[in-house]
Amino acid sequence: MLLFTMLMIAHAISTLMGKGADGRAAHKFASIWGRLM
């Protein structure tokens, strides 16, 4: 939930800036999630 909340904020900012469609930033959050688990 913590990382999803951070991802949601980052995704909203990326969308407003017209970036993030390729998912590179979101994938980094997923990588952090997997390693933290």
PDB file of all heavy atoms in Angstrom:
ATOM      1  N   MET A   1       0.820  -1.208   0.000  1.00  0.00           N
ATOM      2  CA  MET A   1       0.000   0.000   0.000  1.00  0.00           C
ATOM      3  C   MET A   1       0.858   1.264   0.000  1.00  0.00           C
ATOM      4  O   MET A   1       0.520   2.262  -0.660  1.00  0.00           O
ATOM      5  CB  MET A   1      -0.941  -0.011   1.204  1.00  0.00           C
ATOM      6  CG  MET A   1      -1.981  -1.133   1.156  1.00  0.00           C
ATOM      7  SD  MET A   1      -2.881  -1.247  -0.431  1.00  0.00           S
ATOM      8  CE  MET A   1      -3.662   0.375  -0.483  1.00  0.00           C
ATOM      9  N   LEU A   2       1.974   1.246   0.735  1.00  0.00           N
ATOM     10  CA  LEU A   2       2.860   2.414   0.753  1.00  0.00           C
ATOM     11  C   LEU A   2       3.427   2.688  -0.633  1.00  0.00           C
ATOM     12  O   LEU A   2       3.369   3.826  -1.130  1.00  0.00           O
ATOM     13  CB  LEU A   2       3.988   2.193   1.753  1.00  0.00           C
ATOM     14  CG  LEU A   2       5.085   3.278   1.777  1.00  0.00           C
ATOM     15  CD1 LEU A   2       4.496   4.619   2.166  1.00  0.00           C
ATOM     16  CD2 LEU A   2       6.213   2.875   2.730  1.00  0.00           C
ATOM     17  N   LEU A   3       3.952   1.647  -1.267  1.00  0.00           N
ATOM     18  CA  LEU A   3       4.545   1.848  -2.582  1.00  0.00           C
ATOM     19  C   LEU A   3       3.494   2.160  -3.638  1.00  0.00           C
ATOM     20  O   LEU A   3       3.744   2.940  -4.557  1.00  0.00           O
ATOM     21  CB  LEU A   3       5.354   0.618  -2.990  1.00  0.00           C
ATOM     22  CG  LEU A   3       6.701   0.483  -2.282  1.00  0.00           C
ATOM     23  CD1 LEU A   3       7.360  -0.844  -2.596  1.00  0.00           C
ATOM     24  CD2 LEU A   3       7.633   1.627  -2.684  1.00  0.00           C
ATOM     25  N   PHE A   4       2.293   1.590  -3.491  1.00  0.00           N
ATOM     26  CA  PHE A   4       1.239   1.905  -4.453  1.00  0.00           C
ATOM     27  C   PHE A   4       0.831   3.372  -4.329  1.00  0.00           C
ATOM     28  O   PHE A   4       0.584   4.040  -5.339  1.00  0.00           O
ATOM     29  CB  PHE A   4       0.031   1.005  -4.237  1.00  0.00           C
ATOM     30  CG  PHE A   4      -1.084   1.270  -5.217  1.00  0.00           C
ATOM     31  CD1 PHE A   4      -0.972   0.852  -6.533  1.00  0.00           C
ATOM     32  CD2 PHE A   4      -2.227   1.958  -4.835  1.00  0.00           C
ATOM     33  CE1 PHE A   4      -1.987   1.098  -7.446  1.00  0.00           C
ATOM     34  CE2 PHE A   4      -3.237   2.210  -5.741  1.00  0.00           C
ATOM     35  CZ  PHE A   4      -3.118   1.778  -7.050  1.00  0.00           C
ATOM     36  N   THR A   5       0.766   3.872  -3.098  1.00  0.00           N
ATOM     37  CA  THR A   5       0.431   5.287  -2.898  1.00  0.00           C
ATOM     38  C   THR A   5       1.489   6.185  -3.541  1.00  0.00           C
ATOM     39  O   THR A   5       1.162   7.163  -4.235  1.00  0.00           O
ATOM     40  CB  THR A   5       0.325   5.603  -1.396  1.00  0.00           C
ATOM     41  OG1 THR A   5      -0.697   4.784  -0.814  1.00  0.00           O
ATOM     42  CG2 THR A   5      -0.027   7.070  -1.171  1.00  0.00           C
ATOM     43  N   MET A   6       2.759   5.835  -3.334  1.00  0.00           N
ATOM     44  CA  MET A   6       3.844   6.604  -3.947  1.00  0.00           C
ATOM     45  C   MET A   6       3.784   6.506  -5.467  1.00  0.00           C
ATOM     46  O   MET A   6       3.992   7.499  -6.177  1.00  0.00           O
ATOM     47  CB  MET A   6       5.193   6.097  -3.423  1.00  0.00           C
ATOM     48  CG  MET A   6       5.395   6.318  -1.932  1.00  0.00           C
ATOM     49  SD  MET A   6       6.865   5.481  -1.296  1.00  0.00           S
ATOM     50  CE  MET A   6       8.161   6.366  -2.174  1.00  0.00           C
ATOM     51  N   LEU A   7       3.480   5.302  -5.967  1.00  0.00           N
ATOM     52  CA  LEU A   7       3.374   5.108  -7.411  1.00  0.00           C
ATOM     53  C   LEU A   7       2.222   5.921  -7.978  1.00  0.00           C
ATOM     54  O   LEU A   7       2.342   6.533  -9.053  1.00  0.00           O
ATOM     55  CB  LEU A   7       3.168   3.622  -7.710  1.00  0.00           C
ATOM     56  CG  LEU A   7       2.796   3.264  -9.156  1.00  0.00           C
ATOM     57  CD1 LEU A   7       3.863   3.736 -10.125  1.00  0.00           C
ATOM     58  CD2 LEU A   7       2.572   1.755  -9.288  1.00  0.00           C
ATOM     59  N   MET A   8       1.110   5.969  -7.271  1.00  0.00           N
ATOM     60  CA  MET A   8      -0.054   6.715  -7.732  1.00  0.00           C
ATOM     61  C   MET A   8       0.285   8.202  -7.884  1.00  0.00           C
ATOM     62  O   MET A   8      -0.091   8.842  -8.872  1.00  0.00           O
ATOM     63  CB  MET A   8      -1.204   6.519  -6.738  1.00  0.00           C
ATOM     64  CG  MET A   8      -2.542   7.011  -7.214  1.00  0.00           C
ATOM     65  SD  MET A   8      -3.913   6.297  -6.224  1.00  0.00           S
ATOM     66  CE  MET A   8      -3.274   6.483  -4.546  1.00  0.00           C
ATOM     67  N   ILE A   9       1.008   8.737  -6.922  1.00  0.00           N
ATOM     68  CA  ILE A   9       1.416  10.140  -6.988  1.00  0.00           C
ATOM     69  C   ILE A   9       2.375  10.365  -8.154  1.00  0.00           C
ATOM     70  O   ILE A   9       2.227  11.309  -8.938  1.00  0.00           O
ATOM     71  CB  ILE A   9       2.061  10.569  -5.657  1.00  0.00           C
ATOM     72  CG1 ILE A   9       1.025  10.517  -4.528  1.00  0.00           C
ATOM     73  CG2 ILE A   9       2.670  11.959  -5.776  1.00  0.00           C
ATOM     74  CD1 ILE A   9       1.626  10.681  -3.148  1.00  0.00           C
ATOM     75  N   ALA A  10       3.359   9.473  -8.277  1.00  0.00           N
ATOM     76  CA  ALA A  10       4.342   9.600  -9.354  1.00  0.00           C
ATOM     77  C   ALA A  10       3.676   9.472 -10.724  1.00  0.00           C
ATOM     78  O   ALA A  10       4.012  10.203 -11.664  1.00  0.00           O
ATOM     79  CB  ALA A  10       5.427   8.537  -9.193  1.00  0.00           C
ATOM     80  N   HIS A  11       2.711   8.557 -10.823  1.00  0.00           N
ATOM     81  CA  HIS A  11       2.013   8.373 -12.100  1.00  0.00           C
ATOM     82  C   HIS A  11       1.197   9.607 -12.456  1.00  0.00           C
ATOM     83  O   HIS A  11       1.173  10.025 -13.616  1.00  0.00           O
ATOM     84  CB  HIS A  11       1.098   7.153 -12.012  1.00  0.00           C
ATOM     85  CG  HIS A  11       0.332   6.897 -13.277  1.00  0.00           C
ATOM     86  ND1 HIS A  11       0.914   6.367 -14.409  1.00  0.00           N
ATOM     87  CD2 HIS A  11      -0.977   7.117 -13.590  1.00  0.00           C
ATOM     88  CE1 HIS A  11       0.005   6.261 -15.356  1.00  0.00           C
ATOM     89  NE2 HIS A  11      -1.146   6.710 -14.897  1.00  0.00           N
ATOM     90  N   ALA A  12       0.543  10.210 -11.468  1.00  0.00           N
ATOM     91  CA  ALA A  12      -0.240  11.414 -11.720  1.00  0.00           C
ATOM     92  C   ALA A  12       0.653  12.554 -12.204  1.00  0.00           C
ATOM     93  O   ALA A  12       0.313  13.272 -13.155  1.00  0.00           O
ATOM     94  CB  ALA A  12      -0.976  11.827 -10.446  1.00  0.00           C
ATOM     95  N   ILE A  13       1.813  12.703 -11.583  1.00  0.00           N
ATOM     96  CA  ILE A  13       2.747  13.759 -11.994  1.00  0.00           C
ATOM     97  C   ILE A  13       3.251  13.489 -13.413  1.00  0.00           C
ATOM     98  O   ILE A  13       3.310  14.403 -14.248  1.00  0.00           O
ATOM     99  CB  ILE A  13       3.928  13.842 -11.003  1.00  0.00           C
ATOM    100  CG1 ILE A  13       3.431  14.331  -9.644  1.00  0.00           C
ATOM    101  CG2 ILE A  13       5.022  14.772 -11.538  1.00  0.00           C
ATOM    102  CD1 ILE A  13       4.473  14.267  -8.545  1.00  0.00           C
ATOM    103  N   SER A  14       3.611  12.215 -13.683  1.00  0.00           N
ATOM    104  CA  SER A  14       4.104  11.868 -15.017  1.00  0.00           C
ATOM    105  C   SER A  14       3.046  12.115 -16.078  1.00  0.00           C
ATOM    106  O   SER A  14       3.346  12.601 -17.171  1.00  0.00           O
ATOM    107  CB  SER A  14       4.535  10.399 -15.048  1.00  0.00           C
ATOM    108  OG  SER A  14       5.627  10.168 -14.191  1.00  0.00           O
ATOM    109  N   THR A  15       1.799  11.802 -15.753  1.00  0.00           N
ATOM    110  CA  THR A  15       0.709  12.004 -16.706  1.00  0.00           C
ATOM    111  C   THR A  15       0.516  13.485 -17.008  1.00  0.00           C
ATOM    112  O   THR A  15       0.343  13.895 -18.162  1.00  0.00           O
ATOM    113  CB  THR A  15      -0.598  11.403 -16.162  1.00  0.00           C
ATOM    114  OG1 THR A  15      -0.409   9.998 -15.930  1.00  0.00           O
ATOM    115  CG2 THR A  15      -1.738  11.601 -17.147  1.00  0.00           C
ATOM    116  N   LEU A  16       0.579  14.310 -15.964  1.00  0.00           N
ATOM    117  CA  LEU A  16       0.436  15.754 -16.155  1.00  0.00           C
ATOM    118  C   LEU A  16       1.565  16.324 -16.999  1.00  0.00           C
ATOM    119  O   LEU A  16       1.379  17.287 -17.748  1.00  0.00           O
ATOM    120  CB  LEU A  16       0.400  16.454 -14.792  1.00  0.00           C
ATOM    121  CG  LEU A  16      -0.876  16.242 -13.962  1.00  0.00           C
ATOM    122  CD1 LEU A  16      -0.707  16.857 -12.574  1.00  0.00           C
ATOM    123  CD2 LEU A  16      -2.083  16.850 -14.673  1.00  0.00           C
ATOM    124  N   MET A  17       2.735  15.697 -16.905  1.00  0.00           N
ATOM    125  CA  MET A  17       3.901  16.154 -17.664  1.00  0.00           C
ATOM    126  C   MET A  17       3.980  15.500 -19.039  1.00  0.00           C
ATOM    127  O   MET A  17       4.901  15.769 -19.812  1.00  0.00           O
ATOM    128  CB  MET A  17       5.184  15.868 -16.888  1.00  0.00           C
ATOM    129  CG  MET A  17       5.285  16.611 -15.563  1.00  0.00           C
ATOM    130  SD  MET A  17       6.752  16.134 -14.608  1.00  0.00           S
ATOM    131  CE  MET A  17       8.066  16.699 -15.697  1.00  0.00           C
ATOM    132  N   GLY A  18       3.017  14.618 -19.331  1.00  0.00           N
ATOM    133  CA  GLY A  18       3.007  13.942 -20.628  1.00  0.00           C
ATOM    134  C   GLY A  18       4.058  12.855 -20.738  1.00  0.00           C
ATOM    135  O   GLY A  18       4.498  12.520 -21.841  1.00  0.00           O
ATOM    136  N   LYS A  19       4.455  12.286 -19.608  1.00  0.00           N
ATOM    137  CA  LYS A  19       5.483  11.240 -19.608  1.00  0.00           C
ATOM    138  C   LYS A  19       4.933   9.976 -18.946  1.00  0.00           C
ATOM    139  O   LYS A  19       3.840   9.957 -18.414  1.00  0.00           O
ATOM    140  CB  LYS A  19       6.730  11.715 -18.853  1.00  0.00           C
ATOM    141  CG  LYS A  19       7.382  12.960 -19.439  1.00  0.00           C
ATOM    142  CD  LYS A  19       8.586  13.373 -18.594  1.00  0.00           C
ATOM    143  CE  LYS A  19       9.246  14.619 -19.162  1.00  0.00           C
ATOM    144  NZ  LYS A  19      10.426  15.052 -18.348  1.00  0.00           N
ATOM    145  N   GLY A  20       5.732   8.933 -18.992  1.00  0.00           N
ATOM    146  CA  GLY A  20       5.403   7.727 -18.236  1.00  0.00           C
ATOM    147  C   GLY A  20       4.596   6.686 -18.966  1.00  0.00           C
ATOM    148  O   GLY A  20       4.259   5.652 -18.399  1.00  0.00           O
ATOM    149  N   ALA A  21       4.279   6.914 -20.256  1.00  0.00           N
ATOM    150  CA  ALA A  21       3.452   5.955 -20.976  1.00  0.00           C
ATOM    151  C   ALA A  21       4.143   4.604 -21.144  1.00  0.00           C
ATOM    152  O   ALA A  21       3.480   3.573 -21.267  1.00  0.00           O
ATOM    153  CB  ALA A  21       3.076   6.517 -22.353  1.00  0.00           C
ATOM    154  N   ASP A  22       5.487   4.600 -21.164  1.00  0.00           N
ATOM    155  CA  ASP A  22       6.201   3.333 -21.357  1.00  0.00           C
ATOM    156  C   ASP A  22       6.348   2.541 -20.061  1.00  0.00           C
ATOM    157  O   ASP A  22       6.810   1.403 -20.073  1.00  0.00           O
ATOM    158  CB  ASP A  22       7.572   3.564 -21.995  1.00  0.00           C
ATOM    159  CG  ASP A  22       8.496   4.446 -21.146  1.00  0.00           C
ATOM    160  OD1 ASP A  22       8.162   4.722 -19.971  1.00  0.00           O
ATOM    161  OD2 ASP A  22       9.552   4.862 -21.662  1.00  0.00           O
ATOM    162  N   GLY A  23       5.980   3.139 -18.927  1.00  0.00           N
ATOM    163  CA  GLY A  23       5.980   2.419 -17.666  1.00  0.00           C
ATOM    164  C   GLY A  23       7.333   2.268 -16.995  1.00  0.00           C
ATOM    165  O   GLY A  23       7.450   1.538 -16.008  1.00  0.00           O
ATOM    166  N   ARG A  24       8.352   2.935 -17.482  1.00  0.00           N
ATOM    167  CA  ARG A  24       9.688   2.752 -16.894  1.00  0.00           C
ATOM    168  C   ARG A  24       9.717   3.162 -15.420  1.00  0.00           C
ATOM    169  O   ARG A  24      10.298   2.467 -14.588  1.00  0.00           O
ATOM    170  CB  ARG A  24      10.748   3.519 -17.685  1.00  0.00           C
ATOM    171  CG  ARG A  24      11.225   2.788 -18.943  1.00  0.00           C
ATOM    172  CD  ARG A  24      12.296   3.566 -19.701  1.00  0.00           C
ATOM    173  NE  ARG A  24      12.953   2.743 -20.700  1.00  0.00           N
ATOM    174  CZ  ARG A  24      12.502   2.543 -21.928  1.00  0.00           C
ATOM    175  NH1 ARG A  24      11.359   3.110 -22.297  1.00  0.00           N
ATOM    176  NH2 ARG A  24      13.161   1.764 -22.769  1.00  0.00           N
ATOM    177  N   ALA A  25       9.115   4.300 -15.099  1.00  0.00           N
ATOM    178  CA  ALA A  25       9.108   4.743 -13.704  1.00  0.00           C
ATOM    179  C   ALA A  25       8.304   3.803 -12.826  1.00  0.00           C
ATOM    180  O   ALA A  25       8.723   3.437 -11.723  1.00  0.00           O
ATOM    181  CB  ALA A  25       8.556   6.166 -13.611  1.00  0.00           C
ATOM    182  N   ALA A  26       7.136   3.370 -13.314  1.00  0.00           N
ATOM    183  CA  ALA A  26       6.299   2.459 -12.529  1.00  0.00           C
ATOM    184  C   ALA A  26       7.003   1.131 -12.296  1.00  0.00           C
ATOM    185  O   ALA A  26       6.902   0.536 -11.223  1.00  0.00           O
ATOM    186  CB  ALA A  26       4.966   2.237 -13.249  1.00  0.00           C
ATOM    187  N   HIS A  27       7.731   0.664 -13.305  1.00  0.00           N
ATOM    188  CA  HIS A  27       8.465  -0.606 -13.154  1.00  0.00           C
ATOM    189  C   HIS A  27       9.528  -0.497 -12.055  1.00  0.00           C
ATOM    190  O   HIS A  27       9.787  -1.479 -11.346  1.00  0.00           O
ATOM    191  CB  HIS A  27       9.126  -0.989 -14.478  1.00  0.00           C
ATOM    192  CG  HIS A  27       9.957  -2.239 -14.389  1.00  0.00           C
ATOM    193  ND1 HIS A  27       9.414  -3.492 -14.414  1.00  0.00           N
ATOM    194  CD2 HIS A  27      11.305  -2.406 -14.253  1.00  0.00           C
ATOM    195  CE1 HIS A  27      10.388  -4.395 -14.307  1.00  0.00           C
ATOM    196  NE2 HIS A  27      11.536  -3.761 -14.210  1.00  0.00           N
ATOM    197  N   LYS A  28      10.121   0.676 -11.903  1.00  0.00           N
ATOM    198  CA  LYS A  28      11.107   0.851 -10.835  1.00  0.00           C
ATOM    199  C   LYS A  28      10.455   0.688  -9.462  1.00  0.00           C
ATOM    200  O   LYS A  28      11.046   0.111  -8.546  1.00  0.00           O
ATOM    201  CB  LYS A  28      11.772   2.222 -10.961  1.00  0.00           C
ATOM    202  CG  LYS A  28      12.706   2.332 -12.165  1.00  0.00           C
ATOM    203  CD  LYS A  28      13.342   3.710 -12.259  1.00  0.00           C
ATOM    204  CE  LYS A  28      14.281   3.807 -13.461  1.00  0.00           C
ATOM    205  NZ  LYS A  28      14.889   5.161 -13.590  1.00  0.00           N
ATOM    206  N   PHE A  29       9.236   1.197  -9.315  1.00  0.00           N
ATOM    207  CA  PHE A  29       8.509   1.001  -8.050  1.00  0.00           C
ATOM    208  C   PHE A  29       8.236  -0.488  -7.837  1.00  0.00           C
ATOM    209  O   PHE A  29       8.351  -0.993  -6.721  1.00  0.00           O
ATOM    210  CB  PHE A  29       7.191   1.779  -8.071  1.00  0.00           C
ATOM    211  CG  PHE A  29       7.332   3.233  -7.711  1.00  0.00           C
ATOM    212  CD1 PHE A  29       7.489   4.189  -8.697  1.00  0.00           C
ATOM    213  CD2 PHE A  29       7.296   3.639  -6.385  1.00  0.00           C
ATOM    214  CE1 PHE A  29       7.616   5.539  -8.366  1.00  0.00           C
ATOM    215  CE2 PHE A  29       7.421   4.979  -6.041  1.00  0.00           C
ATOM    216  CZ  PHE A  29       7.582   5.936  -7.035  1.00  0.00           C
ATOM    217  N   ALA A  30       7.867  -1.181  -8.908  1.00  0.00           N
ATOM    218  CA  ALA A  30       7.609  -2.617  -8.796  1.00  0.00           C
ATOM    219  C   ALA A  30       8.875  -3.357  -8.371  1.00  0.00           C
ATOM    220  O   ALA A  30       8.820  -4.294  -7.559  1.00  0.00           O
ATOM    221  CB  ALA A  30       7.103  -3.165 -10.127  1.00  0.00           C
ATOM    222  N   SER A  31      10.008  -2.937  -8.891  1.00  0.00           N
ATOM    223  CA  SER A  31      11.273  -3.570  -8.526  1.00  0.00           C
ATOM    224  C   SER A  31      11.600  -3.351  -7.054  1.00  0.00           C
ATOM    225  O   SER A  31      12.065  -4.273  -6.361  1.00  0.00           O
ATOM    226  CB  SER A  31      12.408  -3.030  -9.398  1.00  0.00           C
ATOM    227  OG  SER A  31      12.220  -3.390 -10.757  1.00  0.00           O
ATOM    228  N   ILE A  32      11.343  -2.153  -6.584  1.00  0.00           N
ATOM    229  CA  ILE A  32      11.561  -1.872  -5.156  1.00  0.00           C
ATOM    230  C   ILE A  32      10.638  -2.745  -4.310  1.00  0.00           C
ATOM    231  O   ILE A  32      11.045  -3.304  -3.285  1.00  0.00           O
ATOM    232  CB  ILE A  32      11.320  -0.377  -4.867  1.00  0.00           C
ATOM    233  CG1 ILE A  32      12.387   0.475  -5.566  1.00  0.00           C
ATOM    234  CG2 ILE A  32      11.336  -0.109  -3.357  1.00  0.00           C
ATOM    235  CD1 ILE A  32      12.088   1.967  -5.539  1.00  0.00           C
ATOM    236  N   TRP A  33       9.395  -2.876  -4.744  1.00  0.00           N
ATOM    237  CA  TRP A  33       8.417  -3.710  -4.024  1.00  0.00           C
ATOM    238  C   TRP A  33       8.903  -5.151  -3.903  1.00  0.00           C
ATOM    239  O   TRP A  33       8.897  -5.740  -2.824  1.00  0.00           O
ATOM    240  CB  TRP A  33       7.084  -3.640  -4.761  1.00  0.00           C
ATOM    241  CG  TRP A  33       6.022  -4.580  -4.273  1.00  0.00           C
ATOM    242  CD1 TRP A  33       5.325  -4.509  -3.104  1.00  0.00           C
ATOM    243  CD2 TRP A  33       5.525  -5.739  -4.958  1.00  0.00           C
ATOM    244  NE1 TRP A  33       4.417  -5.545  -3.020  1.00  0.00           N
ATOM    245  CE2 TRP A  33       4.519  -6.320  -4.138  1.00  0.00           C
ATOM    246  CE3 TRP A  33       5.825  -6.328  -6.195  1.00  0.00           C
ATOM    247  CZ2 TRP A  33       3.827  -7.464  -4.521  1.00  0.00           C
ATOM    248  CZ3 TRP A  33       5.132  -7.464  -6.578  1.00  0.00           C
ATOM    249  CH2 TRP A  33       4.140  -8.023  -5.730  1.00  0.00           C
ATOM    250  N   GLY A  34       9.333  -5.716  -5.024  1.00  0.00           N
ATOM    251  CA  GLY A  34       9.786  -7.099  -5.014  1.00  0.00           C
ATOM    252  C   GLY A  34      10.976  -7.322  -4.110  1.00  0.00           C
ATOM    253  O   GLY A  34      11.030  -8.293  -3.340  1.00  0.00           O
ATOM    254  N   ARG A  35      11.929  -6.413  -4.156  1.00  0.00           N
ATOM    255  CA  ARG A  35      13.127  -6.571  -3.330  1.00  0.00           C
ATOM    256  C   ARG A  35      12.810  -6.375  -1.853  1.00  0.00           C
ATOM    257  O   ARG A  35      13.333  -7.100  -0.991  1.00  0.00           O
ATOM    258  CB  ARG A  35      14.215  -5.607  -3.801  1.00  0.00           C
ATOM    259  CG  ARG A  35      14.746  -5.940  -5.195  1.00  0.00           C
ATOM    260  CD  ARG A  35      16.044  -5.233  -5.493  1.00  0.00           C
ATOM    261  NE  ARG A  35      15.902  -3.800  -5.592  1.00  0.00           N
ATOM    262  CZ  ARG A  35      15.675  -3.140  -6.729  1.00  0.00           C
ATOM    263  NH1 ARG A  35      15.543  -3.814  -7.860  1.00  0.00           N
ATOM    264  NH2 ARG A  35      15.572  -1.836  -6.756  1.00  0.00           N
ATOM    265  N   LEU A  36      11.941  -5.399  -1.548  1.00  0.00           N
ATOM    266  CA  LEU A  36      11.583  -5.186  -0.143  1.00  0.00           C
ATOM    267  C   LEU A  36      10.861  -6.398   0.446  1.00  0.00           C
ATOM    268  O   LEU A  36      11.066  -6.743   1.610  1.00  0.00           O
ATOM    269  CB  LEU A  36      10.703  -3.944  -0.010  1.00  0.00           C
ATOM    270  CG  LEU A  36      11.410  -2.595   0.007  1.00  0.00           C
ATOM    271  CD1 LEU A  36      10.397  -1.461   0.053  1.00  0.00           C
ATOM    272  CD2 LEU A  36      12.379  -2.483   1.177  1.00  0.00           C
ATOM    273  N   MET A  37      10.018  -7.032  -0.356  1.00  0.00           N
ATOM    274  CA  MET A  37       9.298  -8.203   0.136  1.00  0.00           C
ATOM    275  C   MET A  37      10.260  -9.284   0.618  1.00  0.00           C
ATOM    276  O   MET A  37       9.996  -9.998   1.586  1.00  0.00           O
ATOM    277  CB  MET A  37       8.393  -8.758  -0.957  1.00  0.00           C
ATOM    278  CG  MET A  37       7.196  -7.871  -1.282  1.00  0.00           C
ATOM    279  SD  MET A  37       6.037  -7.705   0.095  1.00  0.00           S
ATOM    280  CE  MET A  37       5.447  -9.374   0.238  1.00  0.00           C
TER     281      MET A  37
END
